[in-house]
Amino acid sequence: MGVKFLVVNTEVLPDIFVKVIKTKDLLRTGEAKNIQQAVKQVGLSRSAFYKYKDAVFPFYEKNKTKVITIALLLKHEAGILSNVLDTIAKAKGNILTINQNIPNHGVANVTISFETDELDQSGEEILNSLYALKGVQNIQIIGRE
């Protein structure tokens, strides 16, 4: 299965995932000053929050998300990074930053931040297009603003 991201109605999710999102919202809005306070407010353990915090997030509409930062693991072969950048550009994503580490054992870690204001595809469509590219071994969303 190539797709690693799903859109799921919160009504069918276990409460723990909804509580993780609520905890993150409390922290983001400043309604809770720290993680301990936020998890207490929603009735979640700190260990459960830490277990799922990087894997559970709300799906934002493209007009609400301004910048997405992704981390990629790419094979060290000519043209692969260029294909990634072209895929984002063809979807009308505006590249803000690119950080590529020196390749090690035939792979390189790359972090890319891009604006989403003008996207003509959903975030899921772009990620699926990137996963389909030859040489893309892994993708992880590491930030959304």
Protein backbone atom coordinates (compact mmCIF):
# COMPACT_ATOMS: atom_id res chain seq x y z
CA MET A 1 0.00 0.00 0.00
CA GLY A 2 1.64 3.23 -1.17
CA VAL A 3 -0.64 5.65 0.69
CA LYS A 4 0.36 6.30 4.28
CA PHE A 5 -2.12 9.10 4.98
CA LEU A 6 -5.86 8.73 5.42
CA VAL A 7 -8.72 11.13 5.96
CA VAL A 8 -11.00 9.60 8.58
CA ASN A 9 -14.15 11.00 10.15
CA THR A 10 -13.45 11.65 13.84
CA GLU A 11 -16.73 9.97 14.76
CA VAL A 12 -15.22 6.55 13.99
CA LEU A 13 -11.79 7.19 15.53
CA PRO A 14 -10.88 5.99 19.01
CA ASP A 15 -11.12 8.88 21.51
CA ILE A 16 -7.37 8.87 22.08
CA PHE A 17 -6.68 10.32 18.61
CA VAL A 18 -9.26 13.07 19.03
CA LYS A 19 -7.78 13.90 22.44
CA VAL A 20 -4.29 14.18 20.94
CA ILE A 21 -5.61 16.73 18.42
CA LYS A 22 -7.45 18.63 21.17
CA THR A 23 -4.26 18.66 23.26
CA LYS A 24 -2.27 20.09 20.35
CA ASP A 25 -4.96 22.75 19.80
CA LEU A 26 -4.80 23.80 23.46
CA LEU A 27 -1.03 24.19 23.19
CA ARG A 28 -1.21 26.00 19.85
CA THR A 29 -3.81 28.51 21.03
CA GLY A 30 -2.15 29.07 24.40
CA GLU A 31 -5.18 27.84 26.34
CA ALA A 32 -2.77 25.45 28.06
CA LYS A 33 0.68 26.63 29.08
CA ASN A 34 2.37 23.24 28.82
CA ILE A 35 1.79 19.63 27.83
CA GLN A 36 1.01 18.52 31.38
CA GLN A 37 -1.77 21.10 31.67
CA ALA A 38 -3.17 20.33 28.20
CA VAL A 39 -3.34 16.54 28.65
CA LYS A 40 -5.00 17.00 32.03
CA GLN A 41 -7.68 19.23 30.47
CA VAL A 42 -8.59 16.64 27.82
CA GLY A 43 -8.17 13.55 30.02
CA LEU A 44 -5.17 12.05 28.26
CA SER A 45 -1.96 10.59 29.64
CA ARG A 46 1.33 12.27 28.74
CA SER A 47 2.70 8.98 27.44
CA ALA A 48 -0.27 8.57 25.06
CA PHE A 49 0.20 12.13 23.83
CA TYR A 50 3.92 11.58 23.16
CA LYS A 51 3.21 8.25 21.48
CA TYR A 52 0.80 9.75 18.93
CA LYS A 53 1.66 13.47 18.71
CA ASP A 54 3.73 13.13 15.54
CA ALA A 55 1.35 10.72 13.82
CA VAL A 56 -2.06 12.34 14.38
CA PHE A 57 -2.98 15.73 13.04
CA PRO A 58 -6.05 17.42 11.60
CA PHE A 59 -6.41 17.68 7.87
CA TYR A 60 -6.43 21.40 7.09
CA GLU A 61 -8.03 22.93 4.06
CA LYS A 62 -5.49 24.34 1.63
CA ASN A 63 -6.57 27.91 2.34
CA LYS A 64 -5.91 27.44 6.06
CA THR A 65 -2.43 25.98 5.72
CA LYS A 66 0.16 28.47 4.55
CA VAL A 67 3.40 26.46 4.78
CA ILE A 68 4.08 22.72 4.84
CA THR A 69 7.49 21.30 5.76
CA ILE A 70 8.29 17.76 4.68
CA ALA A 71 11.29 15.53 5.31
CA LEU A 72 12.21 13.13 2.54
CA LEU A 73 14.65 10.26 2.25
CA LEU A 74 15.93 10.18 -1.33
CA LYS A 75 18.23 7.83 -3.19
CA HIS A 76 21.46 9.56 -4.15
CA GLU A 77 20.92 9.58 -7.90
CA ALA A 78 20.95 12.45 -10.37
CA GLY A 79 17.59 14.11 -10.99
CA ILE A 80 15.62 12.77 -8.02
CA LEU A 81 15.58 16.01 -6.03
CA SER A 82 14.83 17.92 -9.23
CA ASN A 83 11.79 15.66 -9.85
CA VAL A 84 10.56 16.29 -6.29
CA LEU A 85 10.86 20.06 -6.76
CA ASP A 86 9.16 19.89 -10.17
CA THR A 87 6.25 17.92 -8.69
CA ILE A 88 5.69 20.54 -6.00
CA ALA A 89 6.06 23.38 -8.53
CA LYS A 90 3.60 21.77 -10.99
CA ALA A 91 1.04 21.70 -8.16
CA LYS A 92 1.74 25.45 -7.73
CA GLY A 93 3.53 25.02 -4.42
CA ASN A 94 6.01 27.83 -3.84
CA ILE A 95 9.30 26.43 -2.49
CA LEU A 96 10.62 28.44 0.47
CA THR A 97 13.56 26.37 1.73
CA ILE A 98 15.51 23.28 0.74
CA ASN A 99 18.01 21.64 3.06
CA GLN A 100 19.86 18.56 1.84
CA ASN A 101 22.31 16.63 3.96
CA ILE A 102 25.38 14.99 2.46
CA PRO A 103 24.37 11.56 1.15
CA ASN A 104 25.28 8.62 3.35
CA HIS A 105 25.08 4.98 2.22
CA GLY A 106 23.39 6.01 -1.03
CA VAL A 107 20.57 8.07 0.49
CA ALA A 108 20.15 11.72 1.45
CA ASN A 109 17.84 13.43 3.91
CA VAL A 110 16.12 16.47 2.41
CA THR A 111 13.82 18.94 4.13
CA ILE A 112 11.58 21.15 1.99
CA SER A 113 9.23 23.93 3.09
CA PHE A 114 6.69 25.26 0.62
CA GLU A 115 3.75 27.66 0.57
CA THR A 116 0.31 26.22 -0.15
CA ASP A 117 -1.71 29.35 -0.94
CA GLU A 118 -1.91 28.68 -4.68
CA LEU A 119 -1.99 24.86 -4.70
CA ASP A 120 -4.24 23.30 -7.32
CA GLN A 121 -3.98 19.85 -5.69
CA SER A 122 -4.73 18.61 -2.19
CA GLY A 123 -1.87 17.89 0.19
CA GLU A 124 -2.68 14.19 -0.09
CA GLU A 125 -2.46 14.31 -3.90
CA ILE A 126 0.95 15.99 -3.75
CA LEU A 127 2.27 13.47 -1.22
CA ASN A 128 1.01 10.57 -3.34
CA SER A 129 2.68 12.10 -6.41
CA LEU A 130 5.94 12.43 -4.48
CA TYR A 131 5.74 8.83 -3.20
CA ALA A 132 5.26 7.67 -6.79
CA LEU A 133 8.55 9.23 -7.92
CA LYS A 134 11.46 6.90 -8.53
CA GLY A 135 14.02 7.27 -5.75
CA VAL A 136 11.71 8.66 -3.06
CA GLN A 137 12.03 6.21 -0.18
CA ASN A 138 10.16 7.99 2.61
CA ILE A 139 8.22 11.20 3.30
CA GLN A 140 7.23 12.66 6.63
CA ILE A 141 5.27 15.83 7.32
CA ILE A 142 7.20 17.66 10.01
CA GLY A 143 5.35 20.95 10.13
CA ARG A 144 2.27 22.85 9.03
CA GLU A 145 1.51 26.50 9.64
